[in-house]
PDB file of N, CA and C in Angstrom:
ATOM      1  N   MET A   1     108.510 115.726  94.911  1.00  0.00           N
ATOM      2  CA  MET A   1     107.579 116.087  95.955  1.00  0.00           C
ATOM      3  C   MET A   1     106.349 115.189  95.829  1.00  0.00           C
ATOM      4  N   LYS A   2     105.933 114.611  96.944  1.00  0.00           N
ATOM      5  CA  LYS A   2     104.749 113.752  96.932  1.00  0.00           C
ATOM      6  C   LYS A   2     103.496 114.599  96.933  1.00  0.00           C
ATOM      7  N   MET A   3     102.579 114.257  96.027  1.00  0.00           N
ATOM      8  CA  MET A   3     101.317 114.982  95.910  1.00  0.00           C
ATOM      9  C   MET A   3     100.200 114.000  95.605  1.00  0.00           C
ATOM     10  N   VAL A   4      98.994 114.353  96.034  1.00  0.00           N
ATOM     11  CA  VAL A   4      97.810 113.551  95.737  1.00  0.00           C
ATOM     12  C   VAL A   4      97.043 114.246  94.618  1.00  0.00           C
ATOM     13  N   LEU A   5      96.654 113.480  93.602  1.00  0.00           N
ATOM     14  CA  LEU A   5      95.830 114.016  92.522  1.00  0.00           C
ATOM     15  C   LEU A   5      94.421 114.202  93.069  1.00  0.00           C
ATOM     16  N   GLU A   6      94.015 115.435  93.237  1.00  0.00           N
ATOM     17  CA  GLU A   6      92.749 115.764  93.879  1.00  0.00           C
ATOM     18  C   GLU A   6      91.573 115.774  92.906  1.00  0.00           C
ATOM     19  N   GLU A   7      91.757 116.446  91.757  1.00  0.00           N
ATOM     20  CA  GLU A   7      90.654 116.521  90.803  1.00  0.00           C
ATOM     21  C   GLU A   7      91.140 117.004  89.444  1.00  0.00           C
ATOM     22  N   ILE A   8      90.289 116.818  88.447  1.00  0.00           N
ATOM     23  CA  ILE A   8      90.531 117.303  87.094  1.00  0.00           C
ATOM     24  C   ILE A   8      89.443 118.329  86.803  1.00  0.00           C
ATOM     25  N   GLU A   9      89.868 119.504  86.375  1.00  0.00           N
ATOM     26  CA  GLU A   9      88.929 120.558  85.987  1.00  0.00           C
ATOM     27  C   GLU A   9      89.283 121.001  84.572  1.00  0.00           C
ATOM     28  N   GLY A  10      88.517 120.535  83.599  1.00  0.00           N
ATOM     29  CA  GLY A  10      88.822 120.875  82.207  1.00  0.00           C
ATOM     30  C   GLY A  10      90.163 120.298  81.806  1.00  0.00           C
ATOM     31  N   ASP A  11      91.081 121.180  81.399  1.00  0.00           N
ATOM     32  CA  ASP A  11      92.415 120.745  80.971  1.00  0.00           C
ATOM     33  C   ASP A  11      93.438 120.783  82.099  1.00  0.00           C
ATOM     34  N   LEU A  12      92.994 121.078  83.332  1.00  0.00           N
ATOM     35  CA  LEU A  12      93.928 121.176  84.453  1.00  0.00           C
ATOM     36  C   LEU A  12      93.704 120.075  85.487  1.00  0.00           C
ATOM     37  N   ALA A  13      94.807 119.595  86.023  1.00  0.00           N
ATOM     38  CA  ALA A  13      94.781 118.619  87.111  1.00  0.00           C
ATOM     39  C   ALA A  13      95.277 119.335  88.362  1.00  0.00           C
ATOM     40  N   ARG A  14      94.562 119.141  89.476  1.00  0.00           N
ATOM     41  CA  ARG A  14      94.961 119.784  90.724  1.00  0.00           C
ATOM     42  C   ARG A  14      95.574 118.753  91.657  1.00  0.00           C
ATOM     43  N   PHE A  15      96.799 119.037  92.093  1.00  0.00           N
ATOM     44  CA  PHE A  15      97.506 118.197  93.044  1.00  0.00           C
ATOM     45  C   PHE A  15      97.556 118.892  94.393  1.00  0.00           C
ATOM     46  N   ILE A  16      97.485 118.104  95.451  1.00  0.00           N
ATOM     47  CA  ILE A  16      97.614 118.596  96.818  1.00  0.00           C
ATOM     48  C   ILE A  16      98.899 117.993  97.387  1.00  0.00           C
ATOM     49  N   PRO A  17      99.904 118.840  97.683  1.00  0.00           N
ATOM     50  CA  PRO A  17     101.142 118.300  98.256  1.00  0.00           C
ATOM     51  C   PRO A  17     100.962 117.988  99.738  1.00  0.00           C
ATOM     52  N   ASP A  18     101.893 117.214 100.291  1.00  0.00           N
ATOM     53  CA  ASP A  18     101.839 116.912 101.720  1.00  0.00           C
ATOM     54  C   ASP A  18     101.936 118.200 102.539  1.00  0.00           C
ATOM     55  N   GLU A  19     102.647 119.182 102.025  1.00  0.00           N
ATOM     56  CA  GLU A  19     102.756 120.484 102.684  1.00  0.00           C
ATOM     57  C   GLU A  19     102.687 121.571 101.620  1.00  0.00           C
ATOM     58  N   GLY A  20     101.997 122.645 101.929  1.00  0.00           N
ATOM     59  CA  GLY A  20     101.945 123.770 101.008  1.00  0.00           C
ATOM     60  C   GLY A  20     100.632 123.850 100.244  1.00  0.00           C
ATOM     61  N   ALA A  21     100.615 124.777  99.310  1.00  0.00           N
ATOM     62  CA  ALA A  21      99.406 125.074  98.530  1.00  0.00           C
ATOM     63  C   ALA A  21      99.215 124.072  97.394  1.00  0.00           C
ATOM     64  N   SER A  22      97.974 124.001  96.908  1.00  0.00           N
ATOM     65  CA  SER A  22      97.674 123.110  95.794  1.00  0.00           C
ATOM     66  C   SER A  22      98.455 123.554  94.558  1.00  0.00           C
ATOM     67  N   PHE A  23      98.573 122.646  93.614  1.00  0.00           N
ATOM     68  CA  PHE A  23      99.420 122.856  92.445  1.00  0.00           C
ATOM     69  C   PHE A  23      98.663 122.359  91.225  1.00  0.00           C
ATOM     70  N   HIS A  24      98.600 123.168  90.179  1.00  0.00           N
ATOM     71  CA  HIS A  24      97.889 122.787  88.952  1.00  0.00           C
ATOM     72  C   HIS A  24      98.876 122.482  87.831  1.00  0.00           C
ATOM     73  N   VAL A  25      98.572 121.438  87.065  1.00  0.00           N
ATOM     74  CA  VAL A  25      99.352 121.099  85.873  1.00  0.00           C
ATOM     75  C   VAL A  25      98.376 120.772  84.741  1.00  0.00           C
ATOM     76  N   LYS A  26      98.882 120.831  83.528  1.00  0.00           N
ATOM     77  CA  LYS A  26      98.051 120.464  82.389  1.00  0.00           C
ATOM     78  C   LYS A  26      97.736 118.974  82.456  1.00  0.00           C
ATOM     79  N   LYS A  27      96.513 118.649  82.170  1.00  0.00           N
ATOM     80  CA  LYS A  27      96.055 117.257  82.193  1.00  0.00           C
ATOM     81  C   LYS A  27      96.892 116.386  81.245  1.00  0.00           C
ATOM     82  N   SER A  28      97.369 116.972  80.186  1.00  0.00           N
ATOM     83  CA  SER A  28      98.160 116.224  79.203  1.00  0.00           C
ATOM     84  C   SER A  28      99.493 115.723  79.773  1.00  0.00           C
ATOM     85  N   LEU A  29      99.948 116.280  80.899  1.00  0.00           N
ATOM     86  CA  LEU A  29     101.197 115.849  81.522  1.00  0.00           C
ATOM     87  C   LEU A  29     101.020 114.632  82.429  1.00  0.00           C
ATOM     88  N   LEU A  30      99.772 114.265  82.717  1.00  0.00           N
ATOM     89  CA  LEU A  30      99.507 113.128  83.596  1.00  0.00           C
ATOM     90  C   LEU A  30      99.868 111.815  82.910  1.00  0.00           C
ATOM     91  N   PRO A  31     100.228 110.800  83.712  1.00  0.00           N
ATOM     92  CA  PRO A  31     100.445 109.467  83.133  1.00  0.00           C
ATOM     93  C   PRO A  31      99.158 108.980  82.473  1.00  0.00           C
ATOM     94  N   GLU A  32      99.288 108.054  81.553  1.00  0.00           N
ATOM     95  CA  GLU A  32      98.141 107.565  80.783  1.00  0.00           C
ATOM     96  C   GLU A  32      97.004 107.047  81.656  1.00  0.00           C
ATOM     97  N   LYS A  33      97.326 106.259  82.675  1.00  0.00           N
ATOM     98  CA  LYS A  33      96.287 105.673  83.526  1.00  0.00           C
ATOM     99  C   LYS A  33      96.290 106.338  84.905  1.00  0.00           C
ATOM    100  N   TYR A  34      96.041 107.631  84.930  1.00  0.00           N
ATOM    101  CA  TYR A  34      96.007 108.353  86.209  1.00  0.00           C
ATOM    102  C   TYR A  34      94.739 108.016  86.971  1.00  0.00           C
ATOM    103  N   GLN A  35      94.786 108.246  88.289  1.00  0.00           N
ATOM    104  CA  GLN A  35      93.617 108.000  89.127  1.00  0.00           C
ATOM    105  C   GLN A  35      93.486 109.108  90.164  1.00  0.00           C
ATOM    106  N   ILE A  36      92.280 109.649  90.306  1.00  0.00           N
ATOM    107  CA  ILE A  36      91.999 110.632  91.343  1.00  0.00           C
ATOM    108  C   ILE A  36      92.246 109.955  92.699  1.00  0.00           C
ATOM    109  N   GLY A  37      92.907 110.663  93.602  1.00  0.00           N
ATOM    110  CA  GLY A  37      93.171 110.138  94.937  1.00  0.00           C
ATOM    111  C   GLY A  37      94.487 109.401  95.058  1.00  0.00           C
ATOM    112  N   GLU A  38      95.148 109.174  93.936  1.00  0.00           N
ATOM    113  CA  GLU A  38      96.424 108.455  93.962  1.00  0.00           C
ATOM    114  C   GLU A  38      97.566 109.408  94.321  1.00  0.00           C
ATOM    115  N   VAL A  39      98.607 108.858  94.958  1.00  0.00           N
ATOM    116  CA  VAL A  39      99.789 109.630  95.327  1.00  0.00           C
ATOM    117  C   VAL A  39     100.783 109.566  94.170  1.00  0.00           C
ATOM    118  N   TYR A  40     101.379 110.712  93.860  1.00  0.00           N
ATOM    119  CA  TYR A  40     102.355 110.810  92.778  1.00  0.00           C
ATOM    120  C   TYR A  40     103.610 111.508  93.274  1.00  0.00           C
ATOM    121  N   GLU A  41     104.727 111.146  92.667  1.00  0.00           N
ATOM    122  CA  GLU A  41     105.968 111.889  92.854  1.00  0.00           C
ATOM    123  C   GLU A  41     106.006 112.883  91.702  1.00  0.00           C
ATOM    124  N   VAL A  42     105.949 114.172  92.023  1.00  0.00           N
ATOM    125  CA  VAL A  42     105.951 115.221  91.010  1.00  0.00           C
ATOM    126  C   VAL A  42     107.291 115.941  91.100  1.00  0.00           C
ATOM    127  N   THR A  43     108.035 115.897  90.013  1.00  0.00           N
ATOM    128  CA  THR A  43     109.338 116.545  89.970  1.00  0.00           C
ATOM    129  C   THR A  43     109.207 117.846  89.205  1.00  0.00           C
ATOM    130  N   ILE A  44     109.655 118.920  89.841  1.00  0.00           N
ATOM    131  CA  ILE A  44     109.591 120.245  89.235  1.00  0.00           C
ATOM    132  C   ILE A  44     111.020 120.753  89.085  1.00  0.00           C
ATOM    133  N   SER A  45     111.372 121.108  87.868  1.00  0.00           N
ATOM    134  CA  SER A  45     112.718 121.592  87.573  1.00  0.00           C
ATOM    135  C   SER A  45     112.611 122.930  86.859  1.00  0.00           C
ATOM    136  N   GLU A  46     113.233 123.937  87.431  1.00  0.00           N
ATOM    137  CA  GLU A  46     113.216 125.289  86.863  1.00  0.00           C
ATOM    138  C   GLU A  46     111.786 125.778  86.630  1.00  0.00           C
ATOM    139  N   GLY A  47     110.914 125.506  87.584  1.00  0.00           N
ATOM    140  CA  GLY A  47     109.542 125.983  87.523  1.00  0.00           C
ATOM    141  C   GLY A  47     108.624 125.191  86.614  1.00  0.00           C
ATOM    142  N   GLN A  48     109.129 124.137  85.998  1.00  0.00           N
ATOM    143  CA  GLN A  48     108.337 123.316  85.086  1.00  0.00           C
ATOM    144  C   GLN A  48     108.259 121.886  85.605  1.00  0.00           C
ATOM    145  N   VAL A  49     107.118 121.245  85.397  1.00  0.00           N
ATOM    146  CA  VAL A  49     106.971 119.842  85.779  1.00  0.00           C
ATOM    147  C   VAL A  49     107.768 119.003  84.796  1.00  0.00           C
ATOM    148  N   SER A  50     108.724 118.224  85.316  1.00  0.00           N
ATOM    149  CA  SER A  50     109.542 117.394  84.438  1.00  0.00           C
ATOM    150  C   SER A  50     109.147 115.920  84.507  1.00  0.00           C
ATOM    151  N   MET A  51     108.455 115.522  85.601  1.00  0.00           N
ATOM    152  CA  MET A  51     108.046 114.124  85.723  1.00  0.00           C
ATOM    153  C   MET A  51     106.888 113.999  86.703  1.00  0.00           C
ATOM    154  N   ILE A  52     105.942 113.123  86.379  1.00  0.00           N
ATOM    155  CA  ILE A  52     104.860 112.757  87.280  1.00  0.00           C
ATOM    156  C   ILE A  52     104.802 111.241  87.289  1.00  0.00           C
ATOM    157  N   GLU A  53     105.142 110.655  88.438  1.00  0.00           N
ATOM    158  CA  GLU A  53     105.226 109.196  88.536  1.00  0.00           C
ATOM    159  C   GLU A  53     104.295 108.690  89.633  1.00  0.00           C
ATOM    160  N   PRO A  54     103.418 107.727  89.317  1.00  0.00           N
ATOM    161  CA  PRO A  54     102.509 107.199  90.340  1.00  0.00           C
ATOM    162  C   PRO A  54     103.273 106.406  91.396  1.00  0.00           C
ATOM    163  N   LEU A  55     102.845 106.560  92.645  1.00  0.00           N
ATOM    164  CA  LEU A  55     103.420 105.818  93.769  1.00  0.00           C
ATOM    165  C   LEU A  55     102.349 104.879  94.299  1.00  0.00           C
ATOM    166  N   LYS A  56     102.160 103.773  93.613  1.00  0.00           N
ATOM    167  CA  LYS A  56     101.084 102.821  93.933  1.00  0.00           C
ATOM    168  C   LYS A  56     101.191 102.300  95.366  1.00  0.00           C
ATOM    169  N   GLU A  57     102.398 101.929  95.792  1.00  0.00           N
ATOM    170  CA  GLU A  57     102.577 101.384  97.136  1.00  0.00           C
ATOM    171  C   GLU A  57     102.258 102.440  98.202  1.00  0.00           C
ATOM    172  N   GLU A  58     102.720 103.664  97.980  1.00  0.00           N
ATOM    173  CA  GLU A  58     102.436 104.766  98.909  1.00  0.00           C
ATOM    174  C   GLU A  58     100.933 105.009  99.003  1.00  0.00           C
ATOM    175  N   THR A  59     100.257 104.962  97.858  1.00  0.00           N
ATOM    176  CA  THR A  59      98.810 105.154  97.832  1.00  0.00           C
ATOM    177  C   THR A  59      98.121 104.086  98.680  1.00  0.00           C
ATOM    178  N   GLN A  60      98.517 102.824  98.511  1.00  0.00           N
ATOM    179  CA  GLN A  60      97.907 101.725  99.263  1.00  0.00           C
ATOM    180  C   GLN A  60      98.176 101.861 100.759  1.00  0.00           C
ATOM    181  N   GLU A  61      99.391 102.271 101.120  1.00  0.00           N
ATOM    182  CA  GLU A  61      99.728 102.456 102.537  1.00  0.00           C
ATOM    183  C   GLU A  61      98.871 103.551 103.164  1.00  0.00           C
ATOM    184  N   ARG A  62      98.712 104.651 102.457  1.00  0.00           N
ATOM    185  CA  ARG A  62      97.898 105.760 102.983  1.00  0.00           C
ATOM    186  C   ARG A  62      96.439 105.349 103.117  1.00  0.00           C
ATOM    187  N   LEU A  63      95.921 104.611 102.142  1.00  0.00           N
ATOM    188  CA  LEU A  63      94.536 104.141 102.222  1.00  0.00           C
ATOM    189  C   LEU A  63      94.349 103.203 103.410  1.00  0.00           C
ATOM    190  N   ALA A  64      95.314 102.334 103.640  1.00  0.00           N
ATOM    191  CA  ALA A  64      95.222 101.403 104.771  1.00  0.00           C
ATOM    192  C   ALA A  64      95.211 102.165 106.098  1.00  0.00           C
ATOM    193  N   LYS A  65      96.027 103.200 106.213  1.00  0.00           N
ATOM    194  CA  LYS A  65      96.055 104.015 107.434  1.00  0.00           C
ATOM    195  C   LYS A  65      94.720 104.719 107.649  1.00  0.00           C
ATOM    196  N   MET A  66      94.153 105.259 106.564  1.00  0.00           N
ATOM    197  CA  MET A  66      92.866 105.941 106.681  1.00  0.00           C
ATOM    198  C   MET A  66      91.759 104.974 107.095  1.00  0.00           C
ATOM    199  N   ARG A  67      91.779 103.766 106.538  1.00  0.00           N
ATOM    200  CA  ARG A  67      90.778 102.759 106.911  1.00  0.00           C
ATOM    201  C   ARG A  67      90.888 102.399 108.391  1.00  0.00           C
ATOM    202  N   GLN A  68      92.132 102.256 108.867  1.00  0.00           N
ATOM    203  CA  GLN A  68      92.365 101.913 110.272  1.00  0.00           C
ATOM    204  C   GLN A  68      91.860 103.029 111.191  1.00  0.00           C
ATOM    205  N   LYS A  69      92.139 104.273 110.840  1.00  0.00           N
ATOM    206  CA  LYS A  69      91.661 105.412 111.640  1.00  0.00           C
ATOM    207  C   LYS A  69      90.137 105.452 111.662  1.00  0.00           C
ATOM    208  N   ARG A  70      89.535 105.220 110.492  1.00  0.00           N
ATOM    209  CA  ARG A  70      88.069 105.221 110.404  1.00  0.00           C
ATOM    210  C   ARG A  70      87.483 104.122 111.275  1.00  0.00           C
ATOM    211  N   LYS A  71      88.098 102.957 111.233  1.00  0.00           N
ATOM    212  CA  LYS A  71      87.626 101.828 112.032  1.00  0.00           C
ATOM    213  C   LYS A  71      87.688 102.161 113.526  1.00  0.00           C
ATOM    214  N   LYS A  72      88.772 102.791 113.969  1.00  0.00           N
ATOM    215  CA  LYS A  72      88.912 103.183 115.371  1.00  0.00           C
ATOM    216  C   LYS A  72      87.838 104.198 115.767  1.00  0.00           C
ATOM    217  N   LEU A  73      87.595 105.160 114.895  1.00  0.00           N
ATOM    218  CA  LEU A  73      86.569 106.163 115.188  1.00  0.00           C
ATOM    219  C   LEU A  73      85.190 105.528 115.308  1.00  0.00           C
ATOM    220  N   LEU A  74      84.879 104.617 114.386  1.00  0.00           N
ATOM    221  CA  LEU A  74      83.570 103.961 114.433  1.00  0.00           C
ATOM    222  C   LEU A  74      83.428 103.100 115.678  1.00  0.00           C
ATOM    223  N   ASN A  75      84.503 102.464 116.103  1.00  0.00           N
ATOM    224  CA  ASN A  75      84.461 101.644 117.321  1.00  0.00           C
ATOM    225  C   ASN A  75      84.253 102.507 118.558  1.00  0.00           C
ATOM    226  N   LYS A  76      84.790 103.713 118.594  1.00  0.00           N
ATOM    227  CA  LYS A  76      84.604 104.624 119.724  1.00  0.00           C
ATOM    228  C   LYS A  76      83.143 105.033 119.856  1.00  0.00           C
ATOM    229  N   ARG A  77      82.499 105.244 118.730  1.00  0.00           N
ATOM    230  CA  ARG A  77      81.082 105.655 118.738  1.00  0.00           C
ATOM    231  C   ARG A  77      80.174 104.561 119.287  1.00  0.00           C
ATOM    232  N   LYS A  78      80.544 103.314 119.060  1.00  0.00           N
ATOM    233  CA  LYS A  78      79.709 102.189 119.501  1.00  0.00           C
ATOM    234  C   LYS A  78      79.756 101.993 121.009  1.00  0.00           C
ATOM    235  N   LYS A  79      80.815 102.459 121.648  1.00  0.00           N
ATOM    236  CA  LYS A  79      80.972 102.243 123.100  1.00  0.00           C
ATOM    237  C   LYS A  79      80.158 103.200 123.918  1.00  0.00           C
TER     238      LYS A  79
END
């Protein structure tokens, strides 16, 4: 399931999935070089997180889309 790492609170990391409620995992389960705002593939097996893998390309694509939307909004305001 694709999720965005939203924030770290103490020993917990909060992920926001594309659909559904936020999801908390222990910070110790995160990859070594995690980044807030990055998209991850989070695999859950039998109610336990079995893998958290960064999706660097997906993250870049989403950021590019957000920048494009922002640019369009700013251009509308100028007219």
